[in-house]
N, C-alpha and C. Protein backbone atom coordinates (compact mmCIF):
# COMPACT_ATOMS: atom_id res chain seq x y z
N MET A 1 63.27 41.88 -110.73
CA MET A 1 63.13 40.46 -111.38
C MET A 1 64.35 39.61 -111.03
N ASP A 2 64.07 38.40 -110.55
CA ASP A 2 65.27 37.46 -110.19
C ASP A 2 65.92 36.96 -111.50
N GLN A 3 67.33 36.99 -111.54
CA GLN A 3 67.84 36.29 -112.59
C GLN A 3 68.18 34.87 -112.45
N PRO A 4 68.23 34.07 -113.37
CA PRO A 4 68.40 32.67 -113.29
C PRO A 4 69.79 32.45 -112.81
N VAL A 5 70.01 31.52 -111.92
CA VAL A 5 71.26 31.23 -111.42
C VAL A 5 71.97 30.13 -112.38
N GLN A 6 73.21 30.46 -112.78
CA GLN A 6 73.83 29.54 -113.64
C GLN A 6 74.74 28.70 -112.74
N LYS A 7 74.90 27.36 -112.99
CA LYS A 7 75.81 26.56 -112.17
C LYS A 7 77.10 26.44 -112.91
N ASN A 8 78.07 26.23 -112.17
CA ASN A 8 79.42 26.01 -112.57
C ASN A 8 79.62 24.65 -113.00
N HIS A 9 79.89 24.38 -114.31
CA HIS A 9 80.01 22.93 -114.79
C HIS A 9 81.40 22.67 -115.00
N GLY A 10 82.29 23.45 -114.47
CA GLY A 10 83.86 23.30 -114.62
C GLY A 10 84.24 23.86 -115.86
N PRO A 11 85.56 23.72 -116.13
CA PRO A 11 86.20 24.36 -117.26
C PRO A 11 85.80 23.71 -118.55
N VAL A 12 85.51 24.63 -119.60
CA VAL A 12 85.11 24.03 -120.90
C VAL A 12 86.27 23.65 -121.63
N ARG A 13 86.32 22.41 -122.01
CA ARG A 13 87.54 21.85 -122.80
C ARG A 13 87.29 21.99 -124.36
N PRO A 14 88.20 22.19 -125.11
CA PRO A 14 87.95 22.25 -126.66
C PRO A 14 87.55 20.99 -127.05
N GLY A 15 86.48 20.91 -127.98
CA GLY A 15 86.05 19.56 -128.58
C GLY A 15 85.24 18.73 -127.66
N VAL A 16 84.79 19.24 -126.56
CA VAL A 16 83.97 18.43 -125.65
C VAL A 16 82.60 19.29 -125.62
N ALA A 17 81.55 18.47 -125.98
CA ALA A 17 80.27 19.04 -125.90
C ALA A 17 79.81 19.30 -124.41
N ARG A 18 79.12 20.43 -124.06
CA ARG A 18 78.84 20.73 -122.74
C ARG A 18 77.52 21.24 -122.74
N PRO A 19 76.44 20.61 -122.21
CA PRO A 19 75.05 21.17 -122.40
C PRO A 19 74.99 22.46 -121.55
N PRO A 20 74.13 23.30 -122.19
CA PRO A 20 73.95 24.60 -121.45
C PRO A 20 73.25 24.41 -120.28
N VAL A 21 73.17 25.36 -119.35
CA VAL A 21 72.41 25.40 -118.19
C VAL A 21 70.88 25.36 -118.43
N SER A 22 70.11 24.72 -117.65
CA SER A 22 68.75 24.58 -117.88
C SER A 22 68.02 25.86 -117.69
N LEU A 23 67.70 26.66 -118.58
CA LEU A 23 66.90 27.85 -118.53
C LEU A 23 65.73 27.72 -119.53
N ALA A 24 64.79 28.48 -119.28
CA ALA A 24 63.61 28.45 -120.08
C ALA A 24 64.03 28.91 -121.46
N GLY A 25 63.59 28.34 -122.52
CA GLY A 25 63.95 28.64 -123.89
C GLY A 25 65.25 28.25 -124.38
N CYS A 26 66.07 27.36 -123.51
CA CYS A 26 67.26 26.95 -124.02
C CYS A 26 67.09 25.42 -124.56
N PRO A 27 68.18 24.94 -125.28
CA PRO A 27 67.99 23.55 -125.72
C PRO A 27 67.61 22.49 -124.71
N VAL A 28 68.28 22.61 -123.58
CA VAL A 28 68.14 21.65 -122.55
C VAL A 28 66.65 21.63 -122.00
N HIS A 29 66.16 22.90 -121.82
CA HIS A 29 64.81 22.96 -121.46
C HIS A 29 63.77 22.44 -122.46
N ASP A 30 64.08 22.63 -123.76
CA ASP A 30 63.30 22.03 -124.78
C ASP A 30 63.39 20.64 -124.77
N LEU A 31 64.53 19.93 -124.58
CA LEU A 31 64.68 18.63 -124.65
C LEU A 31 63.98 18.05 -123.38
N LYS A 32 64.07 18.49 -122.21
CA LYS A 32 63.21 18.08 -121.11
C LYS A 32 61.73 18.08 -121.39
N HIS A 33 61.29 19.16 -122.08
CA HIS A 33 59.87 19.18 -122.49
C HIS A 33 59.49 18.12 -123.48
N ARG A 34 60.50 17.90 -124.47
CA ARG A 34 60.26 16.82 -125.43
C ARG A 34 60.12 15.44 -124.86
N LEU A 35 60.88 15.23 -123.79
CA LEU A 35 60.97 13.85 -123.19
C LEU A 35 59.70 13.74 -122.25
N ARG A 36 59.32 14.69 -121.65
CA ARG A 36 58.02 14.73 -120.88
C ARG A 36 56.81 14.46 -121.81
N ALA A 37 56.95 15.04 -122.92
CA ALA A 37 55.67 15.08 -124.01
C ALA A 37 55.49 13.61 -124.49
N VAL A 38 56.54 12.73 -124.40
CA VAL A 38 56.54 11.42 -124.87
C VAL A 38 56.42 10.39 -123.81
N GLY A 39 56.32 11.02 -122.52
CA GLY A 39 56.05 10.05 -121.34
C GLY A 39 57.30 9.58 -120.65
N LEU A 40 58.44 10.16 -120.96
CA LEU A 40 59.86 9.87 -120.36
C LEU A 40 60.13 10.96 -119.28
N ARG A 41 60.58 10.37 -118.12
CA ARG A 41 61.01 11.39 -117.16
C ARG A 41 62.43 11.87 -117.42
N PRO A 42 62.61 13.17 -117.55
CA PRO A 42 63.98 13.70 -117.90
C PRO A 42 65.06 13.58 -116.77
N THR A 43 65.52 12.38 -116.76
CA THR A 43 66.57 12.19 -115.71
C THR A 43 67.77 12.77 -116.32
N ARG A 44 68.78 13.02 -115.40
CA ARG A 44 70.08 13.56 -115.75
C ARG A 44 70.78 12.91 -116.85
N GLN A 45 70.76 11.49 -116.85
CA GLN A 45 71.40 10.76 -117.85
C GLN A 45 70.59 10.81 -119.24
N ARG A 46 69.32 10.79 -119.30
CA ARG A 46 68.59 10.89 -120.43
C ARG A 46 68.79 12.38 -121.05
N VAL A 47 68.83 13.29 -120.32
CA VAL A 47 68.98 14.66 -120.77
C VAL A 47 70.44 14.89 -121.36
N ALA A 48 71.40 14.25 -120.65
CA ALA A 48 72.75 14.35 -121.20
C ALA A 48 72.92 13.57 -122.45
N LEU A 49 72.36 12.42 -122.58
CA LEU A 49 72.44 11.62 -123.74
C LEU A 49 71.61 12.20 -124.82
N GLY A 50 70.49 12.84 -124.62
CA GLY A 50 69.63 13.48 -125.65
C GLY A 50 70.38 14.66 -126.05
N TRP A 51 71.05 15.39 -125.34
CA TRP A 51 71.88 16.52 -125.67
C TRP A 51 72.95 16.15 -126.65
N LEU A 52 73.65 14.97 -126.46
CA LEU A 52 74.62 14.41 -127.29
C LEU A 52 74.07 14.01 -128.68
N LEU A 53 72.84 13.27 -128.62
CA LEU A 53 72.17 12.87 -129.68
C LEU A 53 71.73 13.96 -130.63
N PHE A 54 71.00 14.92 -130.08
CA PHE A 54 70.30 15.84 -130.91
C PHE A 54 70.89 17.17 -131.14
N ALA A 55 71.97 17.63 -130.46
CA ALA A 55 72.55 18.89 -130.58
C ALA A 55 73.26 18.98 -131.93
N ARG A 56 73.65 18.01 -132.58
CA ARG A 56 74.38 18.09 -133.90
C ARG A 56 73.57 17.98 -135.11
N GLY A 57 72.18 18.01 -134.96
CA GLY A 57 71.35 17.75 -136.17
C GLY A 57 71.01 16.29 -136.46
N ASP A 58 70.61 16.15 -137.58
CA ASP A 58 70.32 14.77 -138.14
C ASP A 58 71.61 13.96 -138.28
N ARG A 59 71.61 12.82 -137.76
CA ARG A 59 72.73 11.89 -137.95
C ARG A 59 72.49 10.48 -137.57
N HIS A 60 73.27 9.62 -137.95
CA HIS A 60 73.13 8.13 -137.61
C HIS A 60 74.34 7.86 -136.76
N LEU A 61 74.00 6.94 -135.71
CA LEU A 61 75.04 6.54 -134.89
C LEU A 61 74.68 5.26 -134.14
N THR A 62 75.69 4.43 -133.75
CA THR A 62 75.54 3.23 -132.87
C THR A 62 75.60 3.60 -131.46
N ALA A 63 75.21 2.59 -130.74
CA ALA A 63 75.33 2.77 -129.23
C ALA A 63 76.84 2.93 -128.81
N GLU A 64 77.72 2.26 -129.55
CA GLU A 64 79.12 2.38 -129.09
C GLU A 64 79.66 3.72 -129.53
N THR A 65 79.03 4.47 -130.59
CA THR A 65 79.56 5.72 -131.02
C THR A 65 79.10 6.76 -129.96
N LEU A 66 77.79 6.47 -129.51
CA LEU A 66 77.33 7.57 -128.41
C LEU A 66 78.10 7.19 -127.05
N PHE A 67 78.40 5.95 -126.89
CA PHE A 67 79.26 5.76 -125.64
C PHE A 67 80.49 6.51 -125.64
N ASP A 68 81.29 6.44 -126.84
CA ASP A 68 82.48 7.19 -126.96
C ASP A 68 82.32 8.66 -126.82
N GLU A 69 81.25 9.21 -127.51
CA GLU A 69 80.98 10.58 -127.23
C GLU A 69 80.68 10.97 -125.73
N ALA A 70 79.96 10.14 -125.02
CA ALA A 70 79.68 10.39 -123.73
C ALA A 70 81.03 10.33 -122.84
N GLN A 71 81.80 9.33 -123.19
CA GLN A 71 82.98 9.33 -122.47
C GLN A 71 83.86 10.62 -122.65
N ARG A 72 83.93 11.11 -123.88
CA ARG A 72 84.72 12.15 -124.20
C ARG A 72 84.09 13.55 -123.49
N ALA A 73 82.81 13.58 -123.38
CA ALA A 73 82.13 14.61 -122.69
C ALA A 73 81.98 14.51 -121.26
N ARG A 74 82.60 13.41 -120.65
CA ARG A 74 82.62 13.11 -119.27
C ARG A 74 81.14 12.90 -118.70
N VAL A 75 80.31 12.23 -119.48
CA VAL A 75 79.01 11.85 -119.01
C VAL A 75 79.32 10.45 -118.31
N PRO A 76 78.95 10.45 -117.06
CA PRO A 76 79.19 9.02 -116.40
C PRO A 76 78.00 8.22 -116.74
N VAL A 77 78.18 7.24 -117.79
CA VAL A 77 77.15 6.38 -118.20
C VAL A 77 77.70 5.18 -118.62
N SER A 78 77.01 3.98 -118.41
CA SER A 78 77.42 2.77 -118.82
C SER A 78 76.89 2.46 -120.35
N LEU A 79 77.61 1.39 -120.96
CA LEU A 79 77.10 1.07 -122.29
C LEU A 79 75.60 0.51 -122.30
N ALA A 80 75.42 -0.24 -121.20
CA ALA A 80 74.05 -0.77 -120.99
C ALA A 80 73.02 0.32 -120.82
N THR A 81 73.37 1.38 -120.10
CA THR A 81 72.34 2.50 -120.01
C THR A 81 72.12 3.10 -121.33
N ILE A 82 73.20 3.29 -122.17
CA ILE A 82 73.05 3.85 -123.52
C ILE A 82 72.19 3.00 -124.25
N TYR A 83 72.37 1.73 -124.39
CA TYR A 83 71.39 0.89 -125.12
C TYR A 83 70.01 1.00 -124.61
N ASN A 84 69.79 1.01 -123.33
CA ASN A 84 68.48 1.22 -122.77
C ASN A 84 67.85 2.55 -123.14
N THR A 85 68.62 3.51 -123.12
CA THR A 85 68.00 4.89 -123.39
C THR A 85 67.95 4.94 -124.85
N LEU A 86 68.67 4.49 -125.80
CA LEU A 86 68.41 4.47 -127.18
C LEU A 86 67.17 3.66 -127.56
N ASN A 87 66.97 2.55 -126.97
CA ASN A 87 65.67 1.72 -127.08
C ASN A 87 64.51 2.43 -126.62
N GLN A 88 64.57 3.14 -125.51
CA GLN A 88 63.42 3.91 -125.02
C GLN A 88 63.15 5.02 -125.87
N PHE A 89 64.18 5.73 -126.49
CA PHE A 89 63.93 6.89 -127.25
C PHE A 89 63.26 6.43 -128.55
N SER A 90 63.67 5.16 -129.11
CA SER A 90 63.06 4.66 -130.38
C SER A 90 61.62 4.22 -130.12
N HIS A 91 61.39 3.63 -128.96
CA HIS A 91 60.13 3.12 -128.61
C HIS A 91 59.08 4.38 -128.62
N VAL A 92 59.41 5.48 -128.10
CA VAL A 92 58.51 6.56 -128.10
C VAL A 92 58.59 7.51 -129.34
N GLY A 93 59.44 6.98 -130.34
CA GLY A 93 59.48 7.87 -131.57
C GLY A 93 60.35 8.91 -131.71
N LEU A 94 61.34 9.07 -130.71
CA LEU A 94 62.29 10.17 -130.86
C LEU A 94 63.47 9.79 -131.77
N LEU A 95 63.62 8.48 -131.94
CA LEU A 95 64.66 8.06 -132.93
C LEU A 95 64.19 6.81 -133.72
N ARG A 96 64.80 6.54 -134.76
CA ARG A 96 64.42 5.31 -135.56
C ARG A 96 65.68 4.43 -135.54
N GLN A 97 65.32 3.09 -135.49
CA GLN A 97 66.33 2.11 -135.50
C GLN A 97 66.47 1.64 -136.82
N ILE A 98 67.70 1.32 -137.29
CA ILE A 98 67.92 0.72 -138.67
C ILE A 98 68.93 -0.44 -138.25
N ALA A 99 68.33 -1.67 -138.43
CA ALA A 99 69.16 -2.90 -138.19
C ALA A 99 69.71 -3.20 -139.54
N MET A 100 71.03 -3.42 -139.36
CA MET A 100 71.94 -3.86 -140.59
C MET A 100 72.42 -5.36 -140.40
N ASP A 101 71.84 -6.21 -141.18
CA ASP A 101 72.43 -7.69 -141.24
C ASP A 101 72.31 -8.21 -139.82
N GLY A 102 71.45 -7.83 -138.93
CA GLY A 102 71.19 -8.32 -137.78
C GLY A 102 72.59 -8.26 -136.77
N THR A 103 73.57 -7.59 -137.28
CA THR A 103 74.83 -7.58 -136.39
C THR A 103 75.06 -6.15 -135.94
N ARG A 104 74.50 -5.13 -136.52
CA ARG A 104 74.69 -3.80 -136.00
C ARG A 104 73.36 -2.99 -136.10
N THR A 105 73.09 -2.22 -135.13
CA THR A 105 71.92 -1.39 -135.04
C THR A 105 72.25 0.09 -135.12
N TYR A 106 71.79 0.90 -136.04
CA TYR A 106 72.22 2.40 -136.18
C TYR A 106 70.78 3.06 -135.61
N PHE A 107 71.05 4.17 -134.97
CA PHE A 107 69.92 5.01 -134.53
C PHE A 107 70.11 6.32 -135.26
N ASP A 108 68.84 6.65 -135.79
CA ASP A 108 68.69 7.81 -136.69
C ASP A 108 67.85 8.98 -135.93
N THR A 109 68.50 10.17 -135.81
CA THR A 109 67.85 11.17 -135.13
C THR A 109 66.69 11.89 -136.22
N ASN A 110 66.88 11.56 -137.43
CA ASN A 110 65.83 12.09 -138.41
C ASN A 110 64.77 11.07 -138.39
N ILE A 111 63.55 11.43 -137.83
CA ILE A 111 62.45 10.51 -137.83
C ILE A 111 61.41 10.75 -138.95
N SER A 112 61.77 11.57 -139.80
CA SER A 112 60.87 11.88 -141.00
C SER A 112 60.84 10.53 -141.97
N ASP A 113 59.97 10.69 -143.00
CA ASP A 113 59.83 9.53 -144.02
C ASP A 113 61.05 9.61 -144.84
N HIS A 114 61.93 8.61 -144.82
CA HIS A 114 63.19 8.66 -145.69
C HIS A 114 63.71 7.38 -145.72
N HIS A 115 64.61 7.00 -146.60
CA HIS A 115 65.30 5.87 -146.79
C HIS A 115 66.93 6.05 -146.62
N HIS A 116 67.60 5.05 -146.87
CA HIS A 116 69.01 5.16 -146.47
C HIS A 116 69.88 4.53 -147.66
N PHE A 117 71.05 5.01 -147.95
CA PHE A 117 72.21 4.44 -148.48
C PHE A 117 73.00 3.92 -147.44
N PHE A 118 73.59 2.66 -147.55
CA PHE A 118 74.54 2.16 -146.67
C PHE A 118 75.86 1.96 -147.47
N VAL A 119 77.02 2.50 -147.11
CA VAL A 119 78.28 2.17 -147.74
C VAL A 119 79.00 1.18 -147.04
N GLU A 120 79.05 0.04 -147.87
CA GLU A 120 79.58 -1.16 -147.34
C GLU A 120 81.25 -0.90 -147.19
N GLY A 121 81.81 -1.43 -146.20
CA GLY A 121 83.28 -1.23 -145.87
C GLY A 121 83.48 -0.06 -145.01
N GLU A 122 82.71 0.91 -145.21
CA GLU A 122 82.90 2.20 -144.39
C GLU A 122 81.76 2.12 -143.16
N GLU A 123 80.78 1.30 -143.31
CA GLU A 123 79.67 1.05 -142.31
C GLU A 123 78.99 2.50 -142.14
N LYS A 124 78.75 3.12 -143.18
CA LYS A 124 78.17 4.42 -142.98
C LYS A 124 76.84 4.55 -143.67
N LEU A 125 75.92 5.25 -142.97
CA LEU A 125 74.53 5.40 -143.42
C LEU A 125 74.40 6.86 -143.97
N MET A 126 73.66 6.99 -145.13
CA MET A 126 73.28 8.38 -145.44
C MET A 126 71.88 8.45 -145.94
N ASP A 127 71.21 9.60 -145.67
CA ASP A 127 69.81 9.58 -145.96
C ASP A 127 69.54 9.70 -147.46
N ILE A 128 68.39 9.14 -147.76
CA ILE A 128 67.76 9.41 -149.18
C ILE A 128 66.37 9.94 -148.76
N PRO A 129 66.23 11.20 -149.36
CA PRO A 129 64.88 11.83 -148.88
C PRO A 129 63.70 10.93 -149.48
N GLY A 130 62.64 10.91 -148.69
CA GLY A 130 61.63 10.00 -148.85
C GLY A 130 60.88 10.30 -150.22
N HIS A 131 60.94 11.45 -150.75
CA HIS A 131 60.27 11.77 -152.00
C HIS A 131 61.20 11.38 -153.20
N ASP A 132 62.42 10.89 -153.03
CA ASP A 132 63.29 10.56 -154.07
C ASP A 132 63.17 9.10 -154.47
N LEU A 133 62.27 8.29 -153.89
CA LEU A 133 62.14 6.90 -154.02
C LEU A 133 60.73 6.45 -153.84
N SER A 134 60.21 5.56 -154.75
CA SER A 134 58.76 5.21 -154.63
C SER A 134 58.93 3.61 -154.45
N VAL A 135 58.10 3.12 -153.66
CA VAL A 135 58.07 1.55 -153.64
C VAL A 135 56.64 1.12 -154.00
N SER A 136 56.51 0.26 -154.99
CA SER A 136 55.20 -0.08 -155.48
C SER A 136 55.22 -1.63 -155.36
N ASN A 137 53.94 -2.04 -155.65
CA ASN A 137 53.60 -3.58 -155.59
C ASN A 137 53.90 -4.14 -154.30
N LEU A 138 53.61 -3.62 -153.15
CA LEU A 138 53.86 -4.12 -151.96
C LEU A 138 52.74 -5.38 -151.71
N PRO A 139 53.20 -6.40 -150.94
CA PRO A 139 52.25 -7.49 -150.85
C PRO A 139 51.14 -7.11 -149.86
N GLU A 140 50.01 -7.75 -149.88
CA GLU A 140 48.91 -7.63 -148.87
C GLU A 140 49.39 -8.13 -147.54
N PRO A 141 49.33 -7.40 -146.46
CA PRO A 141 49.69 -7.89 -145.22
C PRO A 141 48.74 -8.95 -144.62
N PRO A 142 49.13 -9.92 -143.78
CA PRO A 142 48.27 -11.10 -143.36
C PRO A 142 47.19 -10.48 -142.59
N ASP A 143 46.03 -11.21 -142.48
CA ASP A 143 44.85 -10.83 -141.85
C ASP A 143 45.29 -10.21 -140.43
N GLY A 144 44.58 -9.06 -140.06
CA GLY A 144 44.66 -8.51 -138.80
C GLY A 144 46.06 -7.67 -138.65
N MET A 145 46.68 -7.49 -139.74
CA MET A 145 48.05 -6.67 -139.78
C MET A 145 47.89 -5.61 -140.79
N GLU A 146 48.71 -4.58 -140.53
CA GLU A 146 48.82 -3.46 -141.61
C GLU A 146 50.18 -2.95 -141.75
N ILE A 147 50.64 -2.47 -142.87
CA ILE A 147 51.94 -2.10 -143.06
C ILE A 147 52.27 -0.75 -142.21
N ALA A 148 53.23 -0.72 -141.42
CA ALA A 148 53.35 0.32 -140.57
C ALA A 148 54.47 1.30 -141.31
N ARG A 149 55.46 0.74 -141.93
CA ARG A 149 56.43 1.62 -142.56
C ARG A 149 57.11 0.78 -143.45
N VAL A 150 57.61 1.41 -144.57
CA VAL A 150 58.62 0.63 -145.54
C VAL A 150 59.93 1.34 -145.47
N GLU A 151 60.97 0.52 -145.16
CA GLU A 151 62.31 1.13 -145.12
C GLU A 151 63.23 0.50 -146.14
N VAL A 152 63.70 1.30 -147.03
CA VAL A 152 64.67 0.83 -148.05
C VAL A 152 66.02 1.15 -147.67
N VAL A 153 66.95 0.16 -147.75
CA VAL A 153 68.39 0.63 -147.43
C VAL A 153 69.07 0.10 -148.82
N VAL A 154 69.72 1.07 -149.53
CA VAL A 154 70.47 0.85 -150.89
C VAL A 154 71.83 0.66 -150.47
N ARG A 155 72.41 -0.37 -150.70
CA ARG A 155 73.76 -0.77 -150.38
C ARG A 155 74.74 -0.21 -151.47
N LEU A 156 75.81 0.58 -151.09
CA LEU A 156 76.84 1.01 -151.96
C LEU A 156 78.15 0.29 -151.76
N ARG A 157 79.01 0.33 -152.72
CA ARG A 157 80.39 0.04 -152.61
C ARG A 157 81.18 0.92 -153.47
N LYS A 158 82.49 1.12 -153.19
CA LYS A 158 83.31 1.78 -154.12
C LYS A 158 83.59 1.03 -155.45
N LYS A 159 83.50 1.76 -156.49
CA LYS A 159 83.84 1.08 -157.86
C LYS A 159 85.29 0.81 -157.80
N ASP A 160 85.60 -0.46 -158.49
CA ASP A 160 86.91 -0.83 -158.72
C ASP A 160 87.41 0.15 -159.90
N ALA A 161 88.70 0.53 -159.58
CA ALA A 161 89.34 1.62 -160.47
C ALA A 161 89.84 1.01 -161.79
């Protein structure tokens, strides 16, 4: 039986995420399958960015944060490509976009039904489980429209001592 051939990706540096070799049953293989399942071609850049996004579990990040992580991981990608990829991933349901004040957009790897705390001054989002909050008395949507989702952001600030 033939053994898979592993490619040499260079030396592993501490603190730098390095995607594993693409073998059946590994995270990269699963990511490629996930991209194909939503109609996206698993290009090298999408796979590398997907690895950086999803390998650490549920989290919230901006395009700039992902760009910094990509630079540290030596993934050759522009900030424009990161924005395009994050928007594509959001469009097909792999990420959720959370727009804050029209000035900053966060991308959430947790696409389940949930809400958020936003810590002002720290610019940090934290999940509120969907079952911990109920929203009632929603207005009737205009004719021909339906409510797709309700997202609540509860803003927090440190108490004055």
